Amino acid sequence: MMAVPFYEDIVVLVGQDDEPYVSIKPIVENIGLAWQVQHRKLRERFDSVITEMVTTGGDGKQYAMTCFPLRKLPAWLYSISPNKVEPDLRGKIIRYQEECDDGRLRRFDSTVSKIDTVVENSGVEEREINKL
């Protein structure tokens, strides 16, 4: 698991099966959207690739993270219409969208190449989310 700075935010990447995954809830919260609404939309559109990954926090407790492949992040981001959100959220949503390039976030390129080395030491277990 890697916490990656993204402007003033932190995005969490997790290596799983030789592929980088992103913890989606922090991104939803970073851009000011409601988690429950976005979670429902994500489940409707990306259910086949969404997973719940369990990790142990610094406090020794286990926490679940809703994740999906980093390569799918641009598809979800571009599904958000900046014109349909509150004016004060538009700039941040547009910034996240503009960072998408060729199916990946440009700022994460160097981090993504390091993910494979993190997989073995991530302490993350994957289990499929039960259908709602």
Protein backbone atom coordinates (compact mmCIF):
# COMPACT_ATOMS: atom_id res chain seq x y z
CA MET A 1 0.00 0.00 0.00
CA MET A 2 1.32 3.41 -0.94
CA ALA A 3 -0.02 6.85 -0.09
CA VAL A 4 0.67 9.08 -3.09
CA PRO A 5 0.50 12.87 -2.83
CA PHE A 6 -1.78 14.37 -5.48
CA TYR A 7 -1.78 18.15 -5.20
CA GLU A 8 -3.17 18.77 -1.68
CA ASP A 9 -4.71 15.30 -1.47
CA ILE A 10 -3.51 11.76 -0.82
CA VAL A 11 -4.45 8.89 -3.12
CA VAL A 12 -3.96 5.33 -1.88
CA LEU A 13 -2.55 2.75 -4.31
CA VAL A 14 -2.40 -0.96 -3.60
CA GLY A 15 -0.63 -3.62 -5.65
CA GLN A 16 -2.74 -6.69 -6.32
CA ASP A 17 -2.13 -9.47 -8.87
CA ASP A 18 0.57 -7.44 -10.65
CA GLU A 19 -1.84 -4.55 -11.16
CA PRO A 20 -2.16 -1.25 -9.31
CA TYR A 21 -5.51 -0.64 -7.63
CA VAL A 22 -6.74 2.62 -6.19
CA SER A 23 -8.75 3.05 -3.00
CA ILE A 24 -11.74 4.90 -4.37
CA LYS A 25 -13.43 6.31 -1.24
CA PRO A 26 -10.63 8.81 -0.48
CA ILE A 27 -10.82 10.11 -4.06
CA VAL A 28 -14.59 10.52 -3.84
CA GLU A 29 -14.16 12.43 -0.60
CA ASN A 30 -11.19 14.43 -1.99
CA ILE A 31 -13.31 15.81 -4.81
CA GLY A 32 -16.23 16.57 -2.50
CA LEU A 33 -18.78 14.02 -3.69
CA ALA A 34 -21.05 11.88 -1.53
CA TRP A 35 -19.53 8.43 -0.98
CA GLN A 36 -22.81 6.49 -0.81
CA VAL A 37 -24.07 7.93 -4.10
CA GLN A 38 -20.78 7.35 -5.89
CA HIS A 39 -20.40 3.88 -4.40
CA ARG A 40 -23.79 2.93 -5.85
CA LYS A 41 -22.82 4.33 -9.26
CA LEU A 42 -19.48 2.55 -9.17
CA ARG A 43 -21.19 -0.74 -8.32
CA GLU A 44 -23.61 -0.26 -11.22
CA ARG A 45 -20.88 0.40 -13.76
CA PHE A 46 -17.74 -1.32 -12.48
CA ASP A 47 -19.07 -4.17 -10.33
CA SER A 48 -16.99 -6.81 -12.11
CA VAL A 49 -13.70 -5.16 -11.12
CA ILE A 50 -14.45 -3.64 -7.72
CA THR A 51 -12.83 -5.47 -4.82
CA GLU A 52 -12.61 -4.98 -1.11
CA MET A 53 -9.07 -5.10 0.19
CA VAL A 54 -8.38 -5.49 3.88
CA THR A 55 -5.28 -3.93 5.37
CA THR A 56 -3.93 -3.46 8.87
CA GLY A 57 -3.64 0.14 9.98
CA GLY A 58 -0.97 1.65 12.17
CA ASP A 59 -3.24 1.05 15.15
CA GLY A 60 -3.23 -2.72 14.50
CA LYS A 61 -6.89 -2.79 13.45
CA GLN A 62 -8.04 -4.14 10.12
CA TYR A 63 -9.74 -1.81 7.66
CA ALA A 64 -11.56 -2.52 4.42
CA MET A 65 -10.93 -0.38 1.36
CA THR A 66 -13.14 -0.39 -1.71
CA CYS A 67 -10.72 -0.53 -4.62
CA PHE A 68 -10.66 -0.92 -8.34
CA PRO A 69 -7.94 -1.02 -10.99
CA LEU A 70 -6.13 2.26 -11.55
CA ARG A 71 -6.66 1.77 -15.29
CA LYS A 72 -10.43 2.18 -14.70
CA LEU A 73 -10.10 5.45 -12.78
CA PRO A 74 -10.25 7.70 -15.86
CA ALA A 75 -13.50 6.07 -17.03
CA TRP A 76 -15.14 6.81 -13.70
CA LEU A 77 -13.73 10.34 -13.46
CA TYR A 78 -14.95 11.23 -16.93
CA SER A 79 -18.42 9.96 -16.03
CA ILE A 80 -18.70 12.90 -13.61
CA SER A 81 -20.07 16.00 -15.30
CA PRO A 82 -18.54 19.10 -13.72
CA ASN A 83 -21.60 21.06 -14.81
CA LYS A 84 -23.83 18.89 -12.61
CA VAL A 85 -21.95 19.46 -9.34
CA GLU A 86 -21.73 22.40 -7.01
CA PRO A 87 -19.68 25.25 -8.52
CA ASP A 88 -17.08 25.09 -5.74
CA LEU A 89 -16.33 21.42 -6.61
CA ARG A 90 -15.89 21.89 -10.36
CA GLY A 91 -12.26 22.98 -10.34
CA LYS A 92 -11.07 19.99 -8.38
CA ILE A 93 -13.07 17.50 -10.45
CA ILE A 94 -11.72 19.03 -13.65
CA ARG A 95 -8.17 18.87 -12.28
CA TYR A 96 -8.52 15.15 -11.52
CA GLN A 97 -10.02 14.57 -14.98
CA GLU A 98 -7.25 16.51 -16.72
CA GLU A 99 -4.61 14.37 -15.04
CA CYS A 100 -6.04 11.35 -16.85
CA ASP A 101 -3.96 10.45 -19.87
CA ASP A 102 -3.93 7.21 -21.86
CA GLY A 103 -5.90 5.35 -19.18
CA ARG A 104 -3.73 6.33 -16.24
CA LEU A 105 -3.00 9.31 -14.05
CA ARG A 106 0.20 10.93 -15.28
CA ARG A 107 1.28 11.84 -11.76
CA PHE A 108 1.21 8.17 -10.76
CA ASP A 109 3.39 6.84 -13.59
CA SER A 110 6.52 6.48 -11.49
CA THR A 111 4.57 5.12 -8.54
CA VAL A 112 2.75 2.55 -10.65
CA SER A 113 6.07 1.16 -11.84
CA LYS A 114 7.02 0.60 -8.19
CA ILE A 115 3.75 -1.11 -7.21
CA ASP A 116 4.95 -4.60 -8.18
CA THR A 117 7.67 -4.42 -5.55
CA VAL A 118 5.10 -3.52 -2.91
CA VAL A 119 2.67 -6.37 -3.59
CA GLU A 120 4.52 -9.00 -1.58
CA ASN A 121 4.91 -6.71 1.42
CA SER A 122 1.56 -4.91 1.33
CA GLY A 123 -0.20 -6.86 4.06
CA VAL A 124 -3.35 -6.66 1.97
CA GLU A 125 -5.79 -9.49 1.46
CA GLU A 126 -8.30 -9.40 -1.38
CA ARG A 127 -11.81 -10.72 -1.16
CA GLU A 128 -14.66 -10.11 -3.50
CA ILE A 129 -17.41 -7.84 -2.26
CA ASN A 130 -20.71 -9.63 -1.80
CA LYS A 131 -23.35 -8.58 -4.28
CA LEU A 132 -25.65 -5.95 -2.84
